[in-house]
């Protein structure tokens, strides 16, 4: 079996469109949440989100190519480009039949779908774009990346809702570990901030309506939270077998050592109140990593800023780690980024990699009055310097999908 390492990272996010900018903002505890100005929110309960700024798809891809992809694909391909460059991959030297892409999206091309439906209603079926279907299907992010880089190896577009990034990274880890590929581009992308999705989440009372204080709206583990905040972007990493990375003298950012997946088998949208599935996924990931719970130095929590979600994840951590749970720093990246849905796991994996590299745990901002049932060390308000060797990253999704990865500081 192969050891699996991460050699490249790329990100498009509300806190910046490259890893350096993102990481600096996270260390400073900045919020990426702001009023929505991309459409009229006057009829909506929620008027805030984590929007990607300063990203010009036409300037990046050219007008013709940009118009053939939905926004979620723009983000995915741009983040993959960064990751490929960061990994210094030489396409001429790769065995393309052992070069794969595992990238997913939870909602896919909703902007294109809404736009084309309006055209259908206003102008008739003959005006609907023939590229509608290939623009909206969720696998198109993986497909576009595969086409660009001629990645002929295994291709997968997981749809596990908000756990997609971790599912993609975890399944890519397994594929490389067991010899099915040498290199895989993995992660998730999402661009679902539209009137339709905002209305649905708003009517489900799932999203925050703290419209007058957008930067304080995402409040994981805080008594004053009132729902999650939608966000968009992409987080992509390059996974390689260690032997392949060493042969080409690649810079190694971190090692993937474990992956666990489970289902709550409980409810369409609500997490299991006792954290049953979360506990199982964390336990399996730790077993897969062949470590013991006491070796985990930091946890990147899913922590969406919903009452049942925050409480059940806290309960699962306590069940797994026992009294030692109180000694493990738990950080909630969504307090700054908002919930990037299918992109969350990939971006949060990158943040965990930077923690392993730099010895800085980003804070859980807006945690001023902790929920009495959320009493762990959530690194409130200010980043913390601490050397860490092994980190756990949790991602959970609608339908009860759970995916957990274990990352380790690379040691030769």
Protein backbone atom coordinates (compact mmCIF):
# COMPACT_ATOMS: atom_id res chain seq x y z
CA UNK A 1 0.00 0.00 0.00
CA UNK A 2 1.11 3.53 -0.83
CA UNK A 3 1.42 6.46 1.54
CA UNK A 4 -0.62 9.40 0.21
CA UNK A 5 0.47 13.03 0.37
CA UNK A 6 -0.90 16.43 -0.64
CA UNK A 7 1.34 18.43 -2.96
CA UNK A 8 -0.93 21.18 -4.28
CA UNK A 9 -3.71 23.46 -3.01
CA UNK A 10 -6.08 25.90 -4.68
CA UNK A 11 -8.99 27.95 -3.36
CA UNK A 12 -11.72 30.36 -4.40
CA UNK A 13 -13.54 31.71 -1.36
CA UNK A 14 -15.30 34.64 0.33
CA UNK A 15 -12.01 35.33 2.13
CA UNK A 16 -9.82 35.39 -0.96
CA UNK A 17 -9.13 33.67 -4.24
CA UNK A 18 -5.80 32.08 -3.39
CA UNK A 19 -4.44 30.12 -0.45
CA UNK A 20 -2.16 32.87 0.85
CA UNK A 21 -4.94 35.46 1.04
CA UNK A 22 -7.39 33.00 2.58
CA UNK A 23 -4.97 31.84 5.24
CA UNK A 24 -3.93 35.36 6.24
CA UNK A 25 -7.57 36.38 6.67
CA UNK A 26 -8.34 33.28 8.71
CA UNK A 27 -5.42 33.86 11.04
CA UNK A 28 -6.69 37.40 11.57
CA UNK A 29 -10.21 36.17 12.32
CA UNK A 30 -11.85 38.07 9.46
CA UNK A 31 -15.36 37.39 8.27
CA UNK A 32 -16.22 36.88 4.62
CA UNK A 33 -19.94 37.49 5.12
CA UNK A 34 -21.55 40.56 3.56
CA UNK A 35 -24.88 41.82 2.15
CA UNK A 36 -25.95 40.11 -1.07
CA UNK A 37 -25.65 42.59 -3.93
CA UNK A 38 -25.89 40.20 -6.87
CA UNK A 39 -29.71 40.18 -6.90
CA UNK A 40 -32.62 41.93 -5.19
CA UNK A 41 -33.13 40.52 -1.70
CA UNK A 42 -35.96 42.83 -0.68
CA UNK A 43 -38.49 39.96 -0.57
CA UNK A 44 -36.16 37.55 1.22
CA UNK A 45 -35.84 36.90 4.94
CA UNK A 46 -32.08 36.51 4.61
CA UNK A 47 -30.07 39.15 2.79
CA UNK A 48 -26.48 38.09 3.53
CA UNK A 49 -24.04 35.45 2.31
CA UNK A 50 -20.38 34.60 1.81
CA UNK A 51 -19.91 35.80 -1.76
CA UNK A 52 -16.82 35.30 -3.88
CA UNK A 53 -15.55 38.75 -4.85
CA UNK A 54 -13.10 39.93 -7.51
CA UNK A 55 -13.50 36.87 -9.72
CA UNK A 56 -14.03 37.68 -13.41
CA UNK A 57 -14.81 34.46 -15.25
CA UNK A 58 -14.65 36.05 -18.70
CA UNK A 59 -11.23 37.54 -17.98
CA UNK A 60 -10.07 34.18 -16.64
CA UNK A 61 -11.47 31.84 -19.30
CA UNK A 62 -12.36 34.11 -22.19
CA UNK A 63 -15.96 35.07 -23.01
CA UNK A 64 -16.81 32.04 -25.15
CA UNK A 65 -15.44 29.44 -22.73
CA UNK A 66 -16.87 31.18 -19.66
CA UNK A 67 -20.37 31.10 -21.15
CA UNK A 68 -20.16 27.34 -21.62
CA UNK A 69 -19.68 26.72 -17.89
CA UNK A 70 -21.80 27.46 -14.84
CA UNK A 71 -20.33 29.51 -12.01
CA UNK A 72 -19.59 26.43 -9.89
CA UNK A 73 -17.43 25.10 -12.73
CA UNK A 74 -15.62 28.43 -13.02
CA UNK A 75 -14.64 28.12 -9.37
CA UNK A 76 -13.66 24.45 -9.63
CA UNK A 77 -11.43 24.87 -12.67
CA UNK A 78 -9.79 28.02 -11.30
CA UNK A 79 -9.01 26.35 -7.96
CA UNK A 80 -7.71 23.25 -9.77
CA UNK A 81 -5.42 25.47 -11.86
CA UNK A 82 -3.96 26.92 -8.66
CA UNK A 83 -3.48 23.46 -7.18
CA UNK A 84 -1.77 22.11 -10.30
CA UNK A 85 0.57 25.09 -10.37
CA UNK A 86 1.26 24.80 -6.64
CA UNK A 87 2.11 21.11 -7.10
CA UNK A 88 4.34 21.99 -10.05
CA UNK A 89 2.86 19.13 -12.05
CA UNK A 90 4.50 18.64 -15.44
CA UNK A 91 1.76 17.29 -17.70
CA UNK A 92 4.33 15.94 -20.16
CA UNK A 93 5.80 13.67 -17.49
CA UNK A 94 2.57 12.28 -16.01
CA UNK A 95 1.12 8.90 -16.85
CA UNK A 96 -2.30 10.29 -17.80
CA UNK A 97 -3.98 6.91 -17.44
CA UNK A 98 -3.06 7.03 -13.73
CA UNK A 99 -4.09 10.68 -13.32
CA UNK A 100 -7.62 11.15 -11.96
CA UNK A 101 -10.14 13.79 -10.88
CA UNK A 102 -12.50 13.46 -7.89
CA UNK A 103 -14.42 16.75 -7.67
CA UNK A 104 -18.08 17.21 -6.76
CA UNK A 105 -20.79 19.80 -6.19
CA UNK A 106 -23.87 19.52 -4.04
CA UNK A 107 -26.27 21.59 -6.12
CA UNK A 108 -24.50 21.98 -9.44
CA UNK A 109 -25.46 24.61 -12.01
CA UNK A 110 -28.44 26.24 -10.35
CA UNK A 111 -27.67 29.65 -11.90
CA UNK A 112 -27.88 28.17 -15.38
CA UNK A 113 -31.02 26.21 -14.52
CA UNK A 114 -32.88 29.28 -13.22
CA UNK A 115 -31.71 31.43 -16.13
CA UNK A 116 -32.75 28.90 -18.75
CA UNK A 117 -36.10 28.27 -17.09
CA UNK A 118 -36.81 32.00 -17.34
CA UNK A 119 -35.92 31.88 -21.04
CA UNK A 120 -38.27 28.92 -21.51
CA UNK A 121 -41.15 30.77 -19.87
CA UNK A 122 -40.52 34.09 -21.63
CA UNK A 123 -39.30 33.05 -25.06
CA UNK A 124 -40.30 29.43 -25.61
CA UNK A 125 -38.55 26.05 -25.84
CA UNK A 126 -36.71 26.84 -29.06
CA UNK A 127 -34.64 29.45 -27.18
CA UNK A 128 -33.42 27.13 -24.42
CA UNK A 129 -29.67 26.49 -24.66
CA UNK A 130 -28.61 23.06 -25.96
CA UNK A 131 -25.83 23.18 -23.37
CA UNK A 132 -28.29 23.44 -20.46
CA UNK A 133 -27.92 19.86 -19.26
CA UNK A 134 -24.10 19.62 -19.44
CA UNK A 135 -23.88 22.97 -17.66
CA UNK A 136 -26.10 22.04 -14.70
CA UNK A 137 -25.08 18.46 -13.90
CA UNK A 138 -22.86 18.19 -10.85
CA UNK A 139 -20.20 16.00 -12.46
CA UNK A 140 -19.29 18.72 -14.93
CA UNK A 141 -16.70 20.26 -12.58
CA UNK A 142 -14.75 17.00 -12.60
CA UNK A 143 -15.34 16.64 -16.32
CA UNK A 144 -14.07 20.12 -17.18
CA UNK A 145 -10.94 19.61 -15.09
CA UNK A 146 -10.36 16.18 -16.65
CA UNK A 147 -10.74 17.63 -20.15
CA UNK A 148 -8.38 20.51 -19.45
CA UNK A 149 -5.59 18.31 -18.13
CA UNK A 150 -6.35 15.15 -20.13
CA UNK A 151 -6.74 13.18 -16.94
CA UNK A 152 -7.60 9.72 -18.27
CA UNK A 153 -7.58 7.89 -14.95
CA UNK A 154 -10.38 7.33 -12.41
CA UNK A 155 -12.99 10.10 -12.36
CA UNK A 156 -15.59 10.59 -9.65
CA UNK A 157 -18.09 13.31 -8.79
CA UNK A 158 -19.43 12.50 -5.33
CA UNK A 159 -22.75 14.03 -4.34
CA UNK A 160 -22.83 13.76 -0.56
CA UNK A 161 -24.19 17.25 0.06
CA UNK A 162 -22.00 19.30 2.39
CA UNK A 163 -19.53 16.47 2.99
CA UNK A 164 -18.50 16.33 -0.68
CA UNK A 165 -15.00 17.78 -0.25
CA UNK A 166 -14.04 15.22 2.37
CA UNK A 167 -15.72 12.41 0.44
CA UNK A 168 -13.70 13.33 -2.66
CA UNK A 169 -10.42 13.60 -0.76
CA UNK A 170 -11.10 10.41 1.18
CA UNK A 171 -12.03 8.34 -1.85
CA UNK A 172 -9.03 9.71 -3.77
CA UNK A 173 -6.85 8.76 -0.81
CA UNK A 174 -8.15 5.19 -0.99
CA UNK A 175 -7.67 4.98 -4.75
CA UNK A 176 -4.04 6.03 -4.51
CA UNK A 177 -3.37 4.02 -1.36
CA UNK A 178 -4.46 0.82 -3.08
CA UNK A 179 -2.66 1.51 -6.34
CA UNK A 180 -5.47 2.62 -8.69
CA UNK A 181 -3.84 5.98 -9.47
CA UNK A 182 -0.67 8.02 -8.94
CA UNK A 183 -2.17 11.52 -8.85
CA UNK A 184 -5.73 12.73 -8.24
CA UNK A 185 -7.17 16.25 -8.24
CA UNK A 186 -9.78 16.26 -5.45
CA UNK A 187 -12.21 18.58 -3.72
CA UNK A 188 -15.51 20.38 -4.14
CA UNK A 189 -17.10 23.48 -5.65
CA UNK A 190 -20.36 25.33 -5.10
CA UNK A 191 -22.11 28.43 -6.44
CA UNK A 192 -25.65 28.15 -5.10
CA UNK A 193 -26.35 31.68 -3.87
CA UNK A 194 -29.45 32.36 -5.95
CA UNK A 195 -32.94 33.67 -5.25
CA UNK A 196 -34.35 30.15 -5.47
CA UNK A 197 -31.98 28.48 -3.02
CA UNK A 198 -32.02 31.44 -0.64
CA UNK A 199 -35.82 31.36 -0.57
CA UNK A 200 -35.86 27.62 0.12
CA UNK A 201 -33.34 27.76 2.94
CA UNK A 202 -35.09 30.84 4.33
CA UNK A 203 -38.50 29.14 4.38
CA UNK A 204 -36.89 26.18 6.12
CA UNK A 205 -35.68 28.62 8.82
CA UNK A 206 -32.19 27.17 8.34
CA UNK A 207 -30.27 30.37 7.57
CA UNK A 208 -29.37 33.35 9.72
CA UNK A 209 -31.41 36.54 9.42
CA UNK A 210 -28.88 38.69 11.25
CA UNK A 211 -28.91 40.99 8.23
CA UNK A 212 -27.80 44.13 10.04
CA UNK A 213 -24.64 42.45 11.34
CA UNK A 214 -23.49 40.15 8.54
CA UNK A 215 -19.98 39.66 9.88
CA UNK A 216 -21.43 38.40 13.16
CA UNK A 217 -24.10 36.18 11.63
CA UNK A 218 -22.21 32.87 11.53
CA UNK A 219 -21.84 31.87 15.18
CA UNK A 220 -20.99 28.20 15.66
CA UNK A 221 -21.45 26.96 19.23
CA UNK A 222 -22.81 30.34 20.36
CA UNK A 223 -26.07 30.69 22.25
CA UNK A 224 -27.10 33.58 19.98
CA UNK A 225 -26.82 31.73 16.67
CA UNK A 226 -29.89 31.66 14.44
CA UNK A 227 -28.83 29.50 11.51
CA UNK A 228 -26.05 29.02 9.00
CA UNK A 229 -24.90 31.50 6.35
CA UNK A 230 -24.73 30.39 2.73
CA UNK A 231 -21.39 30.78 0.97
CA UNK A 232 -19.75 29.78 -2.30
CA UNK A 233 -16.35 28.89 -3.76
CA UNK A 234 -14.09 25.91 -4.31
CA UNK A 235 -11.36 24.02 -2.48
CA UNK A 236 -9.11 21.69 -4.49
CA UNK A 237 -6.03 19.68 -3.53
CA UNK A 238 -3.59 17.44 -5.39
CA UNK A 239 -3.12 14.00 -3.86
CA UNK A 240 -0.17 11.82 -4.88
CA UNK A 241 1.39 8.60 -3.83
CA UNK A 242 4.46 9.38 -1.77
CA UNK A 243 6.65 7.41 -4.15
CA UNK A 244 5.41 9.46 -7.12
CA UNK A 245 5.90 12.75 -5.27
CA UNK A 246 9.43 11.81 -4.23
CA UNK A 247 10.39 10.73 -7.75
CA UNK A 248 9.63 14.20 -9.05
CA UNK A 249 11.01 16.03 -5.98
CA UNK A 250 7.65 17.59 -5.17
CA UNK A 251 7.06 19.87 -2.20
CA UNK A 252 4.86 17.93 0.23
CA UNK A 253 2.33 19.95 2.26
CA UNK A 254 0.84 17.17 4.39
CA UNK A 255 -0.01 13.49 4.48
CA UNK A 256 -3.48 11.94 4.38
CA UNK A 257 -3.53 9.01 6.80
CA UNK A 258 -7.18 8.19 7.40
CA UNK A 259 -10.73 8.42 6.08
CA UNK A 260 -14.05 7.44 7.56
CA UNK A 261 -17.56 7.65 6.11
CA UNK A 262 -20.99 6.85 7.53
CA UNK A 263 -24.69 7.61 7.32
CA UNK A 264 -26.93 8.87 10.10
CA UNK A 265 -29.81 6.88 8.56
CA UNK A 266 -32.05 9.25 10.46
CA UNK A 267 -33.55 12.29 8.70
CA UNK A 268 -33.67 14.11 5.37
CA UNK A 269 -31.94 17.25 6.66
CA UNK A 270 -31.43 17.06 10.44
CA UNK A 271 -28.33 15.45 11.89
CA UNK A 272 -28.81 12.67 14.43
CA UNK A 273 -29.27 14.47 17.78
CA UNK A 274 -26.77 12.21 19.54
CA UNK A 275 -24.20 12.50 16.75
CA UNK A 276 -24.42 8.80 15.94
CA UNK A 277 -23.15 9.03 12.35
CA UNK A 278 -20.54 11.68 13.17
CA UNK A 279 -19.15 9.49 15.93
CA UNK A 280 -18.95 6.48 13.64
CA UNK A 281 -17.20 8.40 10.85
CA UNK A 282 -14.63 9.87 13.25
CA UNK A 283 -14.01 6.49 14.86
CA UNK A 284 -13.53 4.78 11.49
CA UNK A 285 -11.20 7.55 10.27
CA UNK A 286 -9.00 7.20 13.35
CA UNK A 287 -8.93 3.42 13.00
CA UNK A 288 -8.07 3.76 9.31
CA UNK A 289 -5.21 6.09 10.24
CA UNK A 290 -3.93 3.46 12.68
CA UNK A 291 -3.68 5.99 15.47
CA UNK A 292 -5.36 6.31 18.85
CA UNK A 293 -7.70 9.18 19.80
CA UNK A 294 -5.09 10.67 22.12
CA UNK A 295 -2.86 11.35 19.10
CA UNK A 296 -5.32 13.86 17.61
CA UNK A 297 -4.02 17.38 18.26
CA UNK A 298 -6.75 19.51 16.65
CA UNK A 299 -10.25 19.09 15.21
CA UNK A 300 -11.67 21.14 12.34
CA UNK A 301 -15.37 20.94 13.12
CA UNK A 302 -18.21 20.89 10.62
CA UNK A 303 -19.98 23.39 12.92
CA UNK A 304 -22.48 25.14 10.67
CA UNK A 305 -23.97 27.45 13.34
CA UNK A 306 -27.20 25.51 13.85
CA UNK A 307 -28.32 24.41 17.29
CA UNK A 308 -28.83 20.71 16.61
CA UNK A 309 -25.74 20.45 14.41
CA UNK A 310 -23.35 22.13 16.84
CA UNK A 311 -24.70 20.21 19.81
CA UNK A 312 -24.66 16.80 18.13
CA UNK A 313 -21.10 17.25 16.84
CA UNK A 314 -19.97 18.31 20.31
CA UNK A 315 -21.68 15.23 21.77
CA UNK A 316 -19.97 12.97 19.23
CA UNK A 317 -16.55 14.43 20.02
CA UNK A 318 -17.14 13.86 23.74
CA UNK A 319 -18.23 10.27 23.16
CA UNK A 320 -15.14 9.49 21.13
CA UNK A 321 -12.50 11.29 23.17
CA UNK A 322 -13.99 11.14 26.64
CA UNK A 323 -12.55 13.59 29.17
CA UNK A 324 -9.64 14.24 26.79
CA UNK A 325 -12.11 16.05 24.49
CA UNK A 326 -11.75 19.13 26.70
CA UNK A 327 -8.03 19.29 25.95
CA UNK A 328 -8.32 19.24 22.14
CA UNK A 329 -8.69 22.57 20.31
CA UNK A 330 -11.77 22.54 18.07
CA UNK A 331 -11.97 25.23 15.38
CA UNK A 332 -15.00 26.25 13.31
CA UNK A 333 -13.90 27.70 9.98
CA UNK A 334 -17.50 28.44 8.96
CA UNK A 335 -17.62 31.21 11.55
CA UNK A 336 -15.50 33.19 9.05
CA UNK A 337 -16.26 31.58 5.70
CA UNK A 338 -19.93 30.80 6.07
CA UNK A 339 -21.14 27.42 4.85
CA UNK A 340 -19.71 26.76 1.40
CA UNK A 341 -21.86 23.62 1.06
CA UNK A 342 -20.13 21.20 -1.35
CA UNK A 343 -16.98 23.34 -1.31
CA UNK A 344 -16.65 23.42 2.48
CA UNK A 345 -14.66 20.22 3.00
CA UNK A 346 -12.00 21.08 0.44
CA UNK A 347 -11.43 24.59 1.78
CA UNK A 348 -11.40 23.39 5.39
CA UNK A 349 -8.89 20.67 4.50
CA UNK A 350 -6.62 23.37 3.12
CA UNK A 351 -6.98 25.40 6.32
CA UNK A 352 -6.06 22.31 8.35
CA UNK A 353 -3.01 21.72 6.17
CA UNK A 354 -1.88 25.29 6.86
CA UNK A 355 -2.40 24.69 10.58
CA UNK A 356 -0.15 21.64 10.40
CA UNK A 357 2.47 23.60 8.46
CA UNK A 358 2.44 26.87 10.41
CA UNK A 359 1.37 25.82 13.89
CA UNK A 360 -1.55 28.27 13.93
CA UNK A 361 -5.12 27.23 14.72
CA UNK A 362 -7.65 29.68 13.23
CA UNK A 363 -10.27 30.99 15.63
CA UNK A 364 -13.98 30.41 15.98
CA UNK A 365 -15.10 34.01 15.72
CA UNK A 366 -18.38 35.39 17.10
CA UNK A 367 -18.28 32.93 20.00
CA UNK A 368 -19.18 35.31 22.82
CA UNK A 369 -21.82 33.37 24.78
CA UNK A 370 -21.22 29.63 24.39
CA UNK A 371 -24.20 27.29 24.30
CA UNK A 372 -24.26 25.48 27.65
CA UNK A 373 -24.21 22.13 25.81
CA UNK A 374 -21.22 23.22 23.72
CA UNK A 375 -18.46 23.41 26.30
CA UNK A 376 -15.28 22.31 24.52
CA UNK A 377 -12.24 24.43 23.65
CA UNK A 378 -13.41 26.10 20.44
CA UNK A 379 -10.46 28.54 20.13
CA UNK A 380 -12.75 31.55 20.59
CA UNK A 381 -12.16 34.83 18.80
CA UNK A 382 -8.38 34.77 18.42
CA UNK A 383 -6.06 32.41 16.53
CA UNK A 384 -3.83 30.23 18.69
CA UNK A 385 -0.23 29.25 18.13
CA UNK A 386 0.27 25.57 18.81
CA UNK A 387 2.44 22.97 17.15
CA UNK A 388 0.20 20.18 15.94
CA UNK A 389 1.08 16.92 14.25
CA UNK A 390 -2.28 15.27 13.48
CA UNK A 391 -5.63 16.88 12.71
CA UNK A 392 -9.16 15.61 12.15
CA UNK A 393 -11.52 17.37 9.71
CA UNK A 394 -15.28 16.73 9.93
CA UNK A 395 -17.84 17.24 7.16
CA UNK A 396 -21.49 16.28 7.41
CA UNK A 397 -24.29 16.70 4.87
CA UNK A 398 -28.04 16.65 4.32
CA UNK A 399 -29.38 13.13 4.20
CA UNK A 400 -27.00 12.06 6.95
CA UNK A 401 -23.82 11.77 4.86
CA UNK A 402 -20.70 11.99 7.04
CA UNK A 403 -17.07 12.10 5.90
CA UNK A 404 -14.01 12.58 8.09
CA UNK A 405 -10.37 12.79 7.02
CA UNK A 406 -7.22 12.60 9.12
CA UNK A 407 -4.26 14.73 8.03
CA UNK A 408 -0.74 14.54 9.40
CA UNK A 409 2.24 16.84 9.26
CA UNK A 410 4.54 15.27 6.70
CA UNK A 411 7.50 13.39 8.11
CA UNK A 412 9.88 11.63 5.74
